[in-house]
N, C-alpha and C. Protein backbone atom coordinates (compact mmCIF):
# COMPACT_ATOMS: atom_id res chain seq x y z
N MET A 1 -1.60 13.23 -1.47
CA MET A 1 -0.74 13.37 -0.61
C MET A 1 -0.49 15.73 -1.05
N SER A 2 0.38 15.65 0.35
CA SER A 2 0.36 17.33 0.05
C SER A 2 2.06 17.36 -0.38
N SER A 3 2.82 18.03 -0.97
CA SER A 3 4.25 18.25 -1.38
C SER A 3 4.76 18.38 -0.15
N SER A 4 6.76 18.57 -0.42
CA SER A 4 7.62 18.05 0.30
C SER A 4 8.72 18.31 -0.27
N ASP A 5 9.31 18.85 0.22
CA ASP A 5 10.85 18.59 -0.36
C ASP A 5 11.25 17.09 -1.02
N ASP A 6 11.64 16.40 0.49
CA ASP A 6 11.83 15.20 0.81
C ASP A 6 10.88 14.34 1.02
N ILE A 7 11.18 13.01 0.85
CA ILE A 7 10.00 11.50 1.08
C ILE A 7 11.10 10.55 1.57
N VAL A 8 11.23 10.04 2.32
CA VAL A 8 11.56 8.91 2.75
C VAL A 8 11.20 7.59 3.46
N ILE A 9 10.19 6.72 2.91
CA ILE A 9 9.38 5.54 3.12
C ILE A 9 10.03 4.68 3.64
N GLU A 10 10.57 3.98 4.45
CA GLU A 10 11.15 2.71 5.24
C GLU A 10 10.72 1.75 5.12
N ASN A 11 8.79 1.57 5.70
CA ASN A 11 8.00 0.72 6.15
C ASN A 11 6.74 1.19 6.28
N GLY A 12 5.82 -0.09 5.59
CA GLY A 12 4.25 0.32 5.81
C GLY A 12 3.84 -0.01 5.66
N VAL A 13 2.11 0.18 5.32
CA VAL A 13 1.53 0.39 3.70
C VAL A 13 0.41 0.95 3.77
N MET A 14 0.36 1.46 2.55
CA MET A 14 -0.21 2.71 2.18
C MET A 14 -1.35 3.26 1.24
N ASN A 15 -2.65 3.26 0.66
CA ASN A 15 -3.18 3.31 0.24
C ASN A 15 -3.70 4.77 -0.41
N ILE A 16 -3.15 5.26 -1.55
CA ILE A 16 -3.87 6.41 -1.06
C ILE A 16 -4.33 7.20 -2.84
N THR A 17 -5.49 7.45 -2.34
CA THR A 17 -6.10 8.07 -3.42
C THR A 17 -6.32 9.42 -3.72
N ALA A 18 -6.23 10.03 -4.93
CA ALA A 18 -5.71 11.69 -4.75
C ALA A 18 -5.77 12.30 -5.81
N VAL A 19 -6.34 14.27 -5.89
CA VAL A 19 -6.88 14.34 -7.42
C VAL A 19 -6.37 14.81 -8.10
N LYS A 20 -4.36 14.97 -7.44
CA LYS A 20 -3.51 14.99 -8.62
C LYS A 20 -2.27 13.97 -8.07
N ASP A 21 -1.16 14.59 -7.54
CA ASP A 21 -0.77 13.17 -7.46
C ASP A 21 0.32 12.29 -6.23
N GLY A 22 -0.30 11.50 -6.30
CA GLY A 22 -0.23 10.00 -5.13
C GLY A 22 1.49 10.73 -3.93
N LEU A 23 2.03 10.86 -4.79
CA LEU A 23 3.32 11.48 -3.54
C LEU A 23 3.60 12.27 -4.81
N HIS A 24 4.43 13.22 -4.13
CA HIS A 24 5.62 14.59 -4.92
C HIS A 24 6.00 14.79 -3.79
N ALA A 25 7.28 15.28 -4.36
CA ALA A 25 8.55 15.67 -3.75
C ALA A 25 9.05 16.67 -4.66
N ASN A 26 9.64 17.32 -3.80
CA ASN A 26 10.77 18.55 -4.91
C ASN A 26 11.55 18.27 -4.49
N ASP A 27 12.67 17.53 -3.96
CA ASP A 27 13.25 17.48 -4.08
C ASP A 27 13.73 16.05 -4.68
N TYR A 28 13.45 15.16 -3.65
CA TYR A 28 13.60 13.28 -3.84
C TYR A 28 13.12 12.24 -2.98
N ILE A 29 12.54 11.41 -3.55
CA ILE A 29 11.59 10.20 -2.86
C ILE A 29 12.63 9.03 -2.44
N THR A 30 12.69 8.38 -1.24
CA THR A 30 13.30 7.21 -1.49
C THR A 30 11.91 6.06 -0.94
N LEU A 31 12.17 5.54 -1.69
CA LEU A 31 11.21 4.15 -1.33
C LEU A 31 12.62 2.70 -0.30
N ASP A 32 12.78 2.86 0.10
CA ASP A 32 13.95 1.67 0.83
C ASP A 32 13.55 0.54 2.08
N GLY A 33 13.18 -1.05 1.63
CA GLY A 33 12.32 -1.19 3.39
C GLY A 33 11.88 -2.38 2.63
N LYS A 34 12.08 -3.75 3.55
CA LYS A 34 11.43 -5.31 2.81
C LYS A 34 9.91 -5.01 3.57
N ASN A 35 8.86 -4.31 3.86
CA ASN A 35 7.46 -3.87 3.91
C ASN A 35 7.25 -2.79 3.25
N ILE A 36 6.76 -2.12 2.44
CA ILE A 36 7.00 -0.98 2.20
C ILE A 36 5.64 -1.53 0.64
N ASN A 37 4.62 -1.42 1.03
CA ASN A 37 3.53 -1.42 -0.07
C ASN A 37 2.36 -0.03 -0.14
N ILE A 38 2.87 -0.34 -1.66
CA ILE A 38 1.73 1.48 -1.65
C ILE A 38 0.92 1.36 -3.56
N THR A 39 -0.01 1.56 -2.46
CA THR A 39 -1.17 1.53 -3.62
C THR A 39 -1.51 3.04 -3.68
N VAL A 40 -1.76 3.39 -5.41
CA VAL A 40 -2.03 4.93 -5.02
C VAL A 40 -3.49 4.97 -6.63
N ASN A 41 -3.91 5.79 -6.22
CA ASN A 41 -5.17 5.90 -7.54
C ASN A 41 -4.71 7.93 -7.74
N ALA A 42 -4.18 7.87 -8.49
CA ALA A 42 -4.38 9.67 -8.57
C ALA A 42 -4.93 9.80 -9.95
N GLN A 43 -5.17 11.59 -10.16
CA GLN A 43 -5.44 12.10 -11.35
C GLN A 43 -4.53 12.26 -11.86
N GLY A 44 -3.21 12.49 -10.99
CA GLY A 44 -2.16 12.90 -11.48
C GLY A 44 -1.42 11.64 -11.87
N ASP A 45 0.72 11.82 -11.25
CA ASP A 45 1.55 11.09 -11.73
C ASP A 45 0.78 10.17 -10.10
N GLY A 46 1.44 9.36 -10.22
CA GLY A 46 1.70 7.90 -9.34
C GLY A 46 2.30 8.52 -7.68
N ILE A 47 3.58 8.57 -8.50
CA ILE A 47 4.53 8.98 -7.34
C ILE A 47 5.75 9.84 -8.55
N GLU A 48 5.79 11.87 -7.64
CA GLU A 48 6.30 12.33 -8.75
C GLU A 48 7.74 12.92 -7.89
N SER A 49 8.57 13.03 -8.43
CA SER A 49 10.41 14.40 -7.59
C SER A 49 10.50 14.45 -8.90
N GLU A 50 10.66 15.73 -8.60
CA GLU A 50 11.96 16.86 -8.88
C GLU A 50 12.74 16.71 -8.96
N GLY A 51 13.28 15.65 -8.71
CA GLY A 51 14.55 15.59 -8.20
C GLY A 51 14.71 13.97 -8.81
N TYR A 52 15.14 12.82 -7.63
CA TYR A 52 15.38 11.85 -8.77
C TYR A 52 14.35 10.68 -7.39
N LEU A 53 14.23 9.55 -7.69
CA LEU A 53 13.25 8.35 -7.04
C LEU A 53 14.00 6.94 -7.31
N THR A 54 14.14 6.60 -5.74
CA THR A 54 15.06 5.56 -6.00
C THR A 54 13.70 4.60 -4.96
N VAL A 55 13.84 3.37 -5.31
CA VAL A 55 13.09 3.18 -5.03
C VAL A 55 13.44 1.27 -4.23
N ASP A 56 13.75 0.41 -4.03
CA ASP A 56 14.21 -0.57 -3.53
C ASP A 56 13.53 -1.58 -2.31
N LYS A 57 13.27 -2.51 -2.63
CA LYS A 57 12.37 -3.80 -1.71
C LYS A 57 11.25 -2.92 -1.61
N ALA A 58 10.17 -2.63 -2.35
CA ALA A 58 9.12 -1.97 -2.53
C ALA A 58 8.04 -3.01 -3.26
N THR A 59 6.69 -2.05 -3.47
CA THR A 59 5.69 -3.25 -3.89
C THR A 59 5.17 -1.54 -4.13
N LEU A 60 4.51 -1.63 -5.66
CA LEU A 60 3.64 0.04 -5.47
C LEU A 60 2.96 -1.05 -6.88
N ASN A 61 1.76 -0.58 -6.63
CA ASN A 61 0.71 -0.29 -7.46
C ASN A 61 -0.01 0.85 -8.21
N LEU A 62 -0.04 1.04 -8.86
CA LEU A 62 -0.31 2.11 -9.25
C LEU A 62 -1.16 2.86 -10.28
N SER A 63 -1.75 3.53 -10.87
CA SER A 63 -2.93 4.00 -10.81
C SER A 63 -3.26 5.06 -11.42
N GLY A 64 -3.81 5.47 -13.01
CA GLY A 64 -4.53 6.92 -12.57
C GLY A 64 -4.38 7.39 -13.94
N GLY A 65 -4.28 8.96 -13.71
CA GLY A 65 -4.54 9.75 -15.09
C GLY A 65 -3.10 10.46 -15.66
N GLY A 66 -2.02 10.13 -14.71
CA GLY A 66 -0.61 10.39 -15.21
C GLY A 66 0.38 9.36 -14.81
N LYS A 67 1.53 9.69 -15.04
CA LYS A 67 2.80 8.61 -15.15
C LYS A 67 2.15 7.89 -13.90
N GLY A 68 3.61 6.20 -13.77
CA GLY A 68 3.22 6.06 -13.05
C GLY A 68 4.67 6.68 -11.56
N LEU A 69 5.10 6.60 -11.99
CA LEU A 69 6.45 7.51 -11.74
C LEU A 69 7.33 8.31 -12.84
N ASN A 70 7.00 8.94 -12.34
CA ASN A 70 8.63 10.09 -12.84
C ASN A 70 9.08 11.27 -12.32
N ALA A 71 10.33 11.02 -12.31
CA ALA A 71 11.30 11.88 -11.89
C ALA A 71 12.09 12.93 -12.47
N ALA A 72 12.14 13.76 -11.94
CA ALA A 72 13.38 14.75 -13.33
C ALA A 72 15.14 14.79 -13.45
N ASP A 73 14.89 14.33 -12.23
CA ASP A 73 16.70 13.65 -12.39
C ASP A 73 16.74 11.92 -12.88
N TYR A 74 15.92 10.92 -12.41
CA TYR A 74 16.32 10.04 -12.57
C TYR A 74 15.37 9.16 -11.49
N ILE A 75 15.88 7.65 -11.87
CA ILE A 75 14.59 7.05 -11.06
C ILE A 75 15.47 6.07 -11.05
N THR A 76 15.47 4.74 -9.88
CA THR A 76 16.02 3.82 -10.20
C THR A 76 15.01 2.62 -8.88
N LEU A 77 15.78 2.26 -9.86
CA LEU A 77 14.58 0.52 -9.29
C LEU A 77 15.52 -0.59 -8.74
N THR A 78 16.04 -0.72 -7.99
CA THR A 78 16.81 -2.24 -7.51
C THR A 78 16.69 -3.29 -7.55
N SER A 79 15.08 -3.17 -6.50
CA SER A 79 14.47 -4.31 -6.51
C SER A 79 13.43 -4.08 -5.97
N GLY A 80 12.64 -4.98 -5.92
CA GLY A 80 10.49 -4.81 -5.77
C GLY A 80 9.65 -5.24 -7.12
N THR A 81 8.71 -4.74 -6.64
CA THR A 81 7.42 -5.03 -7.92
C THR A 81 6.86 -3.36 -8.16
N PHE A 82 7.09 -3.17 -9.69
CA PHE A 82 6.15 -2.12 -10.05
C PHE A 82 5.09 -2.57 -10.83
N ASP A 83 3.66 -2.60 -10.22
CA ASP A 83 3.07 -2.51 -11.05
C ASP A 83 2.26 -1.23 -11.71
N SER A 84 1.45 -0.98 -13.21
CA SER A 84 1.91 0.57 -13.06
C SER A 84 0.98 0.45 -14.16
N TYR A 85 -0.72 1.19 -14.27
CA TYR A 85 -1.15 1.56 -15.70
C TYR A 85 -0.80 3.10 -15.95
N GLY A 86 0.15 3.02 -17.25
CA GLY A 86 0.74 4.70 -17.29
C GLY A 86 2.20 3.91 -17.90
N TYR A 87 3.44 5.18 -17.59
CA TYR A 87 4.52 4.67 -17.47
C TYR A 87 5.57 5.31 -16.86
N ALA A 88 6.79 5.03 -16.75
CA ALA A 88 7.98 5.90 -15.98
C ALA A 88 8.64 6.78 -17.01
N GLU A 89 8.93 7.36 -16.23
CA GLU A 89 9.67 8.55 -16.89
C GLU A 89 10.73 8.98 -15.92
N GLY A 90 12.41 8.62 -16.22
CA GLY A 90 13.43 9.61 -15.71
C GLY A 90 14.33 8.88 -15.99
N GLY A 91 15.46 9.46 -15.79
CA GLY A 91 16.83 9.23 -16.55
C GLY A 91 17.76 7.75 -16.72
N THR A 92 18.19 6.83 -15.78
CA THR A 92 18.14 6.13 -15.21
C THR A 92 17.22 4.58 -14.69
N ILE A 93 16.50 3.77 -15.38
CA ILE A 93 15.88 3.03 -15.05
C ILE A 93 16.34 1.72 -14.53
N SER A 94 16.61 1.10 -13.83
CA SER A 94 17.25 -0.93 -13.13
C SER A 94 16.72 -1.69 -12.33
N GLY A 95 16.81 -2.82 -12.82
CA GLY A 95 16.88 -3.99 -11.37
C GLY A 95 15.08 -3.70 -11.12
N GLY A 96 14.49 -4.40 -10.36
CA GLY A 96 13.61 -4.72 -9.91
C GLY A 96 12.68 -5.55 -11.08
N THR A 97 11.01 -6.35 -10.95
CA THR A 97 10.44 -6.64 -11.46
C THR A 97 9.15 -5.68 -12.09
N SER A 98 8.52 -5.51 -13.32
CA SER A 98 7.49 -4.39 -13.55
C SER A 98 6.36 -5.24 -14.81
N ALA A 99 5.62 -4.29 -14.21
CA ALA A 99 4.02 -4.95 -15.54
C ALA A 99 3.85 -3.34 -15.65
N THR A 100 4.03 -3.53 -16.89
CA THR A 100 3.67 -1.13 -17.10
C THR A 100 2.61 -1.71 -18.25
N LEU A 101 1.03 -1.54 -18.23
CA LEU A 101 0.56 -0.89 -19.42
C LEU A 101 -0.11 0.03 -19.03
N GLY A 102 -0.81 0.58 -20.72
CA GLY A 102 -0.55 1.42 -20.76
C GLY A 102 0.35 3.03 -21.89
N GLN A 103 0.20 3.61 -21.69
CA GLN A 103 0.49 4.85 -22.92
C GLN A 103 2.53 4.19 -23.26
N SER A 104 2.66 5.12 -24.10
CA SER A 104 3.97 4.63 -24.50
C SER A 104 3.60 5.87 -25.83
N SER A 105 5.35 6.17 -26.21
CA SER A 105 5.14 7.43 -26.96
C SER A 105 6.60 7.03 -28.31
N SER A 106 6.09 7.97 -29.31
CA SER A 106 6.85 7.15 -30.46
C SER A 106 8.50 8.09 -30.39
N GLY A 107 9.71 7.84 -29.94
CA GLY A 107 10.93 8.68 -29.99
C GLY A 107 12.30 7.55 -30.06
N GLY A 108 12.80 7.95 -29.83
CA GLY A 108 14.60 7.62 -29.45
C GLY A 108 14.54 6.43 -28.45
N GLY A 109 14.35 4.87 -28.86
CA GLY A 109 14.38 3.64 -27.88
C GLY A 109 14.61 3.67 -26.25
N GLN A 110 13.92 3.11 -25.67
CA GLN A 110 14.27 3.19 -24.38
C GLN A 110 15.39 1.32 -24.16
N PRO A 111 16.25 1.85 -23.37
CA PRO A 111 17.11 0.90 -22.87
C PRO A 111 16.35 -0.13 -22.15
N GLY A 112 16.66 -1.49 -22.28
CA GLY A 112 16.32 -2.91 -21.46
C GLY A 112 15.28 -2.21 -20.13
N GLY A 113 14.46 -3.16 -19.87
CA GLY A 113 14.09 -2.76 -18.75
C GLY A 113 14.28 -3.04 -17.59
N PRO A 114 13.81 -2.88 -16.54
CA PRO A 114 13.99 -3.56 -14.80
C PRO A 114 14.32 -5.38 -15.18
N GLY A 115 15.50 -5.52 -14.85
CA GLY A 115 15.56 -7.13 -14.86
C GLY A 115 15.99 -7.24 -15.45
N GLY A 116 16.98 -6.03 -16.40
CA GLY A 116 18.24 -6.48 -17.13
C GLY A 116 17.84 -7.14 -18.51
N ASN A 117 16.56 -7.93 -18.71
CA ASN A 117 16.65 -8.83 -19.07
C ASN A 117 15.55 -8.58 -20.21
N GLN A 118 14.71 -7.50 -20.35
CA GLN A 118 13.73 -7.04 -21.21
C GLN A 118 13.64 -6.20 -22.21
N PRO A 119 12.95 -6.74 -22.84
CA PRO A 119 13.67 -5.43 -24.53
C PRO A 119 13.43 -4.22 -24.04
N GLY A 120 13.55 -3.08 -24.78
CA GLY A 120 13.06 -1.40 -24.85
C GLY A 120 11.94 -1.38 -25.34
N GLY A 121 10.99 -0.39 -24.87
CA GLY A 121 9.96 -0.13 -25.32
C GLY A 121 10.39 0.66 -26.44
N PRO A 122 8.89 1.15 -27.28
CA PRO A 122 8.84 1.16 -28.56
C PRO A 122 9.00 3.17 -28.50
N GLY A 123 9.62 4.03 -27.82
CA GLY A 123 9.79 5.34 -27.79
C GLY A 123 10.59 5.39 -26.56
N GLY A 124 10.84 6.66 -25.92
CA GLY A 124 11.22 7.27 -25.08
C GLY A 124 10.28 6.81 -23.41
N ARG A 125 9.76 6.35 -23.66
CA ARG A 125 9.42 6.37 -21.94
C ARG A 125 8.27 4.22 -22.24
N TRP A 126 8.80 3.68 -21.06
CA TRP A 126 8.18 2.32 -20.91
C TRP A 126 6.69 2.05 -20.58
């Protein structure tokens, strides 16, 4: 998809194949609704915001060459399901249920993962 300043999705099913990022916003991305199901296969990041990314009540299935979720300021997962090949990178990651496969990096430890009962990852990314 093309870049936008803001993206707000409240309902729908999306299947995205992209040569760059699947969803990309310059300011923020908000996915907030009980009937959101997004599948992304992107050569870049699955979902990227140059500001913040908020996910509530969404199901995300992300695959590709970059990060699953990426936000410059922060990522907040309050509920929903996030399955990704790759990793999430952002300031605050909390809530929801996640299964992440793939990359990690060495460095400082990550606090507990979504759901609050998962151990931190091996490095700065999970």
